[in-house]
Each structure stands twice: as structure tokens, then as C-alpha cells.
Protein backbone atom coordinates (compact mmCIF):
# COMPACT_ATOMS: atom_id res chain seq x y z
CA UNK A 1 0.00 0.00 0.00
CA UNK A 2 2.84 2.32 0.96
CA UNK A 3 4.60 1.56 -2.32
CA UNK A 4 1.47 2.44 -4.34
CA UNK A 5 1.07 5.68 -2.41
CA UNK A 6 4.72 6.58 -3.07
CA UNK A 7 4.31 5.84 -6.80
CA UNK A 8 1.22 8.07 -7.00
CA UNK A 9 3.09 10.93 -5.36
CA UNK A 10 6.02 10.46 -7.73
CA UNK A 11 3.74 10.46 -10.80
CA UNK A 12 1.91 13.57 -9.61
CA UNK A 13 5.18 15.37 -8.95
CA UNK A 14 6.49 14.43 -12.39
CA UNK A 15 3.32 15.65 -14.12
CA UNK A 16 3.45 18.88 -12.16
CA UNK A 17 7.09 19.42 -13.18
CA UNK A 18 6.38 18.91 -16.90
CA UNK A 19 3.24 21.05 -16.73
CA UNK A 20 5.34 23.84 -15.19
CA UNK A 21 7.89 23.52 -17.99
CA UNK A 22 5.11 23.66 -20.58
CA UNK A 23 3.57 26.78 -19.07
CA UNK A 24 6.96 28.48 -18.83
CA UNK A 25 7.66 27.67 -22.46
CA UNK A 26 4.31 29.10 -23.46
CA UNK A 27 4.99 32.23 -21.46
CA UNK A 28 8.44 32.61 -23.01
CA UNK A 29 6.98 32.19 -26.48
CA UNK A 30 4.54 34.96 -25.73
CA UNK A 31 7.29 37.41 -24.80
CA UNK A 32 7.75 39.76 -27.78
CA UNK A 33 11.18 39.64 -29.41
CA UNK A 34 12.71 43.06 -30.00
CA UNK A 35 13.17 43.82 -33.69
CA UNK A 36 14.80 47.14 -34.63
CA UNK A 37 13.17 49.20 -37.35
CA UNK A 38 15.12 51.17 -39.93
CA UNK A 39 14.77 54.85 -39.11
CA UNK A 40 13.96 54.34 -35.44
CA UNK A 41 15.21 57.23 -33.27
CA UNK A 42 18.40 56.93 -31.24
CA UNK A 43 20.31 59.27 -28.95
CA UNK A 44 22.05 61.26 -31.69
CA UNK A 45 20.97 59.65 -34.96
CA UNK A 46 18.25 57.39 -36.30
CA UNK A 47 19.23 53.76 -36.82
CA UNK A 48 20.03 52.79 -40.40
CA UNK A 49 22.20 49.68 -40.90
CA UNK A 50 25.27 49.92 -43.11
CA UNK A 51 24.83 47.70 -46.21
CA UNK A 52 26.89 44.52 -45.93
CA UNK A 53 28.78 45.34 -49.13
CA UNK A 54 29.92 48.62 -47.62
CA UNK A 55 30.83 46.93 -44.33
CA UNK A 56 33.25 44.74 -46.28
CA UNK A 57 34.60 47.77 -48.15
CA UNK A 58 35.15 49.78 -44.97
CA UNK A 59 37.12 46.98 -43.36
CA UNK A 60 39.02 46.36 -46.59
CA UNK A 61 40.26 49.93 -47.09
CA UNK A 62 41.29 50.03 -43.43
CA UNK A 63 43.26 46.83 -44.08
CA UNK A 64 41.97 45.25 -40.87
CA UNK A 65 44.09 42.32 -39.64
CA UNK A 66 44.23 40.18 -36.47
CA UNK A 67 46.64 42.78 -35.05
CA UNK A 68 43.95 45.47 -35.00
CA UNK A 69 41.57 46.70 -32.34
CA UNK A 70 38.45 48.02 -34.09
CA UNK A 71 35.94 50.29 -32.37
CA UNK A 72 32.61 50.91 -34.08
CA UNK A 73 30.86 54.06 -32.88
CA UNK A 74 27.11 53.51 -32.84
CA UNK A 75 27.37 49.80 -33.60
CA UNK A 76 23.65 49.15 -34.11
CA UNK A 77 22.97 45.48 -34.72
CA UNK A 78 26.69 44.67 -34.51
CA UNK A 79 27.28 43.68 -38.13
CA UNK A 80 30.55 45.58 -38.61
CA UNK A 81 32.03 44.47 -35.30
CA UNK A 82 31.18 40.85 -36.08
CA UNK A 83 32.71 41.11 -39.56
CA UNK A 84 35.89 42.58 -38.07
CA UNK A 85 36.04 39.75 -35.54
CA UNK A 86 35.70 37.24 -38.37
CA UNK A 87 38.85 38.77 -39.85
CA UNK A 88 40.59 37.89 -36.59
CA UNK A 89 40.60 41.39 -35.10
CA UNK A 90 39.43 42.24 -31.61
CA UNK A 91 36.44 44.54 -32.03
CA UNK A 92 34.24 46.62 -29.77
CA UNK A 93 30.82 48.06 -30.51
CA UNK A 94 29.65 51.13 -28.60
CA UNK A 95 25.88 51.49 -28.72
CA UNK A 96 23.49 53.60 -26.66
CA UNK A 97 20.41 51.38 -27.22
CA UNK A 98 20.50 48.41 -24.77
CA UNK A 99 18.21 46.32 -26.97
CA UNK A 100 20.59 46.64 -29.92
CA UNK A 101 23.48 45.74 -27.62
CA UNK A 102 21.68 42.55 -26.62
CA UNK A 103 20.88 41.67 -30.24
CA UNK A 104 24.54 42.19 -31.15
CA UNK A 105 25.77 39.94 -28.35
CA UNK A 106 23.43 37.15 -29.41
CA UNK A 107 24.54 37.51 -33.04
CA UNK A 108 28.19 37.33 -32.03
CA UNK A 109 27.51 34.09 -30.16
CA UNK A 110 25.66 32.61 -33.12
CA UNK A 111 28.53 33.59 -35.46
CA UNK A 112 31.09 32.10 -33.06
CA UNK A 113 33.07 35.30 -32.46
CA UNK A 114 31.90 36.37 -29.01
CA UNK A 115 35.48 35.89 -27.75
CA UNK A 116 36.66 38.70 -30.05
CA UNK A 117 33.52 40.82 -30.43
CA UNK A 118 32.39 42.86 -27.43
CA UNK A 119 29.41 45.19 -27.18
CA UNK A 120 28.79 47.78 -24.51
CA UNK A 121 26.01 50.22 -23.76
CA UNK A 122 27.71 53.62 -23.59
CA UNK A 123 27.84 57.16 -24.93
CA UNK A 124 30.36 57.26 -27.78
CA UNK A 125 31.34 60.82 -26.85
CA UNK A 126 32.43 59.70 -23.39
CA UNK A 127 34.24 56.43 -24.17
CA UNK A 128 38.05 56.28 -24.25
CA UNK A 129 39.12 55.61 -27.87
CA UNK A 130 42.90 55.75 -27.32
CA UNK A 131 43.52 52.01 -27.72
CA UNK A 132 41.84 51.72 -31.12
CA UNK A 133 43.85 51.17 -34.29
CA UNK A 134 40.71 51.43 -36.46
CA UNK A 135 37.55 53.43 -35.74
CA UNK A 136 34.43 53.06 -37.86
CA UNK A 137 31.25 55.13 -37.83
CA UNK A 138 27.99 55.95 -39.54
CA UNK A 139 27.13 59.28 -37.96
CA UNK A 140 25.94 62.65 -39.19
CA UNK A 141 28.46 65.25 -40.43
CA UNK A 142 28.00 67.49 -37.38
CA UNK A 143 28.72 64.55 -35.08
CA UNK A 144 31.84 63.67 -37.08
CA UNK A 145 33.08 67.24 -36.69
CA UNK A 146 32.26 67.17 -33.00
CA UNK A 147 34.39 64.01 -32.67
CA UNK A 148 37.19 65.36 -34.87
CA UNK A 149 39.34 66.99 -32.15
CA UNK A 150 39.38 63.75 -30.16
CA UNK A 151 40.21 61.70 -33.23
CA UNK A 152 43.15 63.93 -34.14
CA UNK A 153 44.67 63.21 -30.72
CA UNK A 154 44.81 59.46 -31.39
CA UNK A 155 48.02 57.64 -32.25
CA UNK A 156 49.43 58.54 -35.68
CA UNK A 157 48.44 55.84 -38.14
CA UNK A 158 45.03 55.15 -36.58
CA UNK A 159 42.52 54.68 -39.41
CA UNK A 160 39.13 56.40 -39.27
CA UNK A 161 36.49 55.06 -41.66
CA UNK A 162 33.09 56.67 -42.17
CA UNK A 163 30.01 55.53 -44.04
CA UNK A 164 28.83 58.37 -46.34
CA UNK A 165 29.56 61.39 -44.14
CA UNK A 166 32.75 63.45 -44.16
CA UNK A 167 34.79 65.51 -41.66
CA UNK A 168 34.21 69.01 -42.96
CA UNK A 169 37.36 70.60 -44.37
CA UNK A 170 39.48 67.62 -43.28
CA UNK A 171 39.85 65.89 -46.63
CA UNK A 172 39.84 62.08 -46.61
CA UNK A 173 42.98 60.16 -47.53
CA UNK A 174 40.91 57.60 -49.38
CA UNK A 175 37.41 57.35 -50.85
CA UNK A 176 35.64 54.41 -52.45
CA UNK A 177 32.13 53.74 -53.74
CA UNK A 178 30.57 50.29 -53.88
CA UNK A 179 28.81 49.66 -57.23
CA UNK A 180 26.60 46.96 -55.71
CA UNK A 181 24.48 49.48 -53.84
CA UNK A 182 23.89 52.55 -55.97
CA UNK A 183 20.51 53.42 -54.46
CA UNK A 184 21.60 53.56 -50.82
CA UNK A 185 24.57 54.27 -48.56
CA UNK A 186 27.50 53.29 -50.76
CA UNK A 187 30.53 55.50 -50.08
CA UNK A 188 33.31 54.95 -47.56
CA UNK A 189 35.83 57.60 -46.54
CA UNK A 190 39.07 56.96 -44.67
CA UNK A 191 41.38 59.29 -42.79
CA UNK A 192 44.75 58.31 -41.34
CA UNK A 193 45.64 60.20 -38.17
CA UNK A 194 48.77 62.26 -38.98
CA UNK A 195 51.76 62.99 -36.79
CA UNK A 196 52.04 66.53 -35.48
CA UNK A 197 54.89 68.27 -37.28
CA UNK A 198 54.08 71.97 -37.12
CA UNK A 199 57.01 74.06 -35.94
CA UNK A 200 60.64 74.90 -36.64
CA UNK A 201 63.00 72.05 -37.39
CA UNK A 202 66.78 72.11 -37.63
CA UNK A 203 67.94 70.24 -40.71
CA UNK A 204 71.73 70.42 -40.82
CA UNK A 205 72.64 74.11 -40.64
CA UNK A 206 69.30 75.12 -42.18
CA UNK A 207 65.82 75.51 -40.76
CA UNK A 208 62.66 73.80 -41.95
CA UNK A 209 59.57 75.81 -41.00
CA UNK A 210 56.39 73.74 -41.27
CA UNK A 211 52.75 74.76 -41.11
CA UNK A 212 50.26 71.90 -40.82
CA UNK A 213 46.57 71.57 -41.60
CA UNK A 214 45.44 68.04 -40.83
CA UNK A 215 47.58 65.76 -43.08
CA UNK A 216 48.68 68.59 -45.40
CA UNK A 217 51.88 70.55 -44.75
CA UNK A 218 53.30 73.75 -46.14
CA UNK A 219 56.25 75.90 -45.21
CA UNK A 220 59.75 76.78 -46.28
CA UNK A 221 63.41 75.86 -46.01
CA UNK A 222 65.53 78.74 -44.71
CA UNK A 223 69.21 78.56 -45.63
CA UNK A 224 71.03 81.76 -44.70
CA UNK A 225 69.30 84.55 -46.56
CA UNK A 226 67.58 82.16 -48.99
CA UNK A 227 64.09 80.74 -48.59
CA UNK A 228 62.61 77.88 -50.62
CA UNK A 229 58.95 76.90 -50.50
CA UNK A 230 57.95 73.39 -49.49
CA UNK A 231 55.77 71.73 -52.17
CA UNK A 232 53.46 68.72 -52.19
CA UNK A 233 53.81 68.18 -48.45
CA UNK A 234 51.72 65.41 -46.94
CA UNK A 235 51.54 63.08 -43.97
CA UNK A 236 50.20 59.55 -43.88
CA UNK A 237 50.33 58.59 -40.24
CA UNK A 238 53.99 58.98 -39.29
CA UNK A 239 55.15 58.94 -42.93
CA UNK A 240 56.06 62.30 -44.43
CA UNK A 241 56.76 63.42 -47.99
CA UNK A 242 57.52 66.86 -49.42
CA UNK A 243 59.55 68.50 -52.15
CA UNK A 244 62.06 71.34 -52.02
CA UNK A 245 62.88 72.54 -55.53
CA UNK A 246 63.11 69.26 -57.45
CA UNK A 247 64.34 67.22 -54.51
CA UNK A 248 61.94 64.65 -53.03
CA UNK A 249 62.10 64.10 -49.28
CA UNK A 250 60.52 60.96 -47.80
CA UNK A 251 60.80 59.81 -44.23
CA UNK A 252 59.28 59.05 -40.87
CA UNK A 253 58.32 61.17 -37.89
CA UNK A 254 59.11 60.09 -34.36
CA UNK A 255 58.20 62.77 -31.88
CA UNK A 256 60.63 65.66 -32.35
CA UNK A 257 62.76 63.85 -34.90
CA UNK A 258 62.27 63.21 -38.61
CA UNK A 259 64.59 61.23 -40.84
CA UNK A 260 64.56 59.65 -44.25
CA UNK A 261 65.95 59.81 -47.79
CA UNK A 262 66.28 62.81 -50.09
CA UNK A 263 66.27 61.95 -53.79
CA UNK A 264 67.62 64.38 -56.38
CA UNK A 265 68.98 64.23 -59.92
CA UNK A 266 72.45 63.66 -58.49
CA UNK A 267 71.44 60.70 -56.32
CA UNK A 268 70.20 59.95 -52.83
CA UNK A 269 71.29 60.92 -49.35
CA UNK A 270 69.96 60.64 -45.83
CA UNK A 271 68.42 63.58 -44.02
CA UNK A 272 67.58 64.21 -40.37
CA UNK A 273 65.59 67.06 -38.84
CA UNK A 274 65.01 67.85 -35.17
CA UNK A 275 62.47 70.17 -33.59
């Protein structure tokens, strides 16, 4: 009799357990799943996803490798961060909308890159960007310009890639349009953070006076009473090129020292300048 009573209790408990599971499953199925809508408002911009073709292009022109740390400002559904992680890079998405952050984390798990793709809920204007080697964005022009002073303080050589929108008078180093998507967002711009070279440099017994506007440089070489204008001056990260008369100077900047090769009709020689 006792055994029968025990069996009845066990059966009832088992049925109750499975009924509870069934009800929970039904309740979970009734919970609405968040689905972002194109054009929905955000903190600073509405949400519009970057076309996948342009995502690939943006990462390609930035030459993203496993050595890079990519930060996507306003990462949305996480597509660019996940693509960067698939290239082997460590990537971080900064997104103000917590629902989009959660969607991105789930997508990273599904794609098998959650160990390299991180998403955080934060204000992109307050987050420390100094460790990035590549920064990507799809923001409005006024937001790009608002970010510009912070970007210019990053390490020389850091690549900044923007979907569609520019940086005002700061001309891009590279621009590309994807033919697959003519009717939508299809242009990527890239800037390479330049070294700071403005000032007076001693080059041998002469002086090199440089004025800098973003990656473009102008100035003159002062040798005694003679002055010669610098032509075609440009920086690409810590690489520098300029011409004096018909002589081509190429080299690298390291703090208050520049050095490289000067090529002229008579041959080549090394040059060094110190600020």
C-alpha cells in the first residue's frame, strides 16, 4: 500500500514538473522579441544599418588584420564588429540602445566570435578611444566634426572610416564607392591620423619651418638669406613626404625627430631634422 502511495506521489510530482515547464515555455513564447526598425530614433541619430557590401569595403580599405583593435561608434545590430572579428581582429561596438546591444551579443555568439567581439552600452562621446587602431562610424556630419578633435589626438596611423559622411574641411585620404548598392549608402571615406609636425625644425645648418593643416603641410626651407617653399607636403600617419625645388624628401616622424631619404637628380642621401 505504501509503495502504491509513493508511486502516485512520484507520478503527480512528475506531471506537475512537466506542466510547469510547458507553461513556462508558453509564457516565453509569448514574450515579444525586440526587432529594430530602420529609421527608429536613437540618442544622436536614427538607426540605419550599413549595407553589408559597404561593411566589407570599410574593413578592406582600413586593411583590418588580427593585429587590430576596431571600435565601431554607434554599432547598431553589430554587423561591422562581427565582420571585423571574423577577420581575426578584436572589435568593440559602442551602442546607446541596450536592446541593440543585446541583439549584437546574441549575433556574435551565433557567429562564433563572441570571444573577439564585445558590445557595450555607452555614450560614444564619453568612451576612451585611445587604444583603437581602427575606428568606424555611420554618424551625421555634425557629429563627425564634434568628434574630430578627439580623433586627431589618437596615435598617428590610426585609421578612421566613415560611411557616407565626411569631416568638414578635413579631406579624406581615401574614398571608395561600392557599385553593388547605388541606391543607398555606398561610399566609404578613410582618414589616417597624422603625426604633429608643425614648428621649426633644424635640418643640418638650415631651418625647416612647417605649417600643418590636418595631413597637409606647407612651409619653407631657410638657408642663410635664402628661402625655398615646401611643395606637395603630406603626412600619412607617421610617414612624411615633401619637395624642395626638385628634390623629393621621404621619411618618418618620431616625436621631435624626422629622418629619411632625399632623392635628387644627383642621387640619394639621408636627411635628419630635429624640432
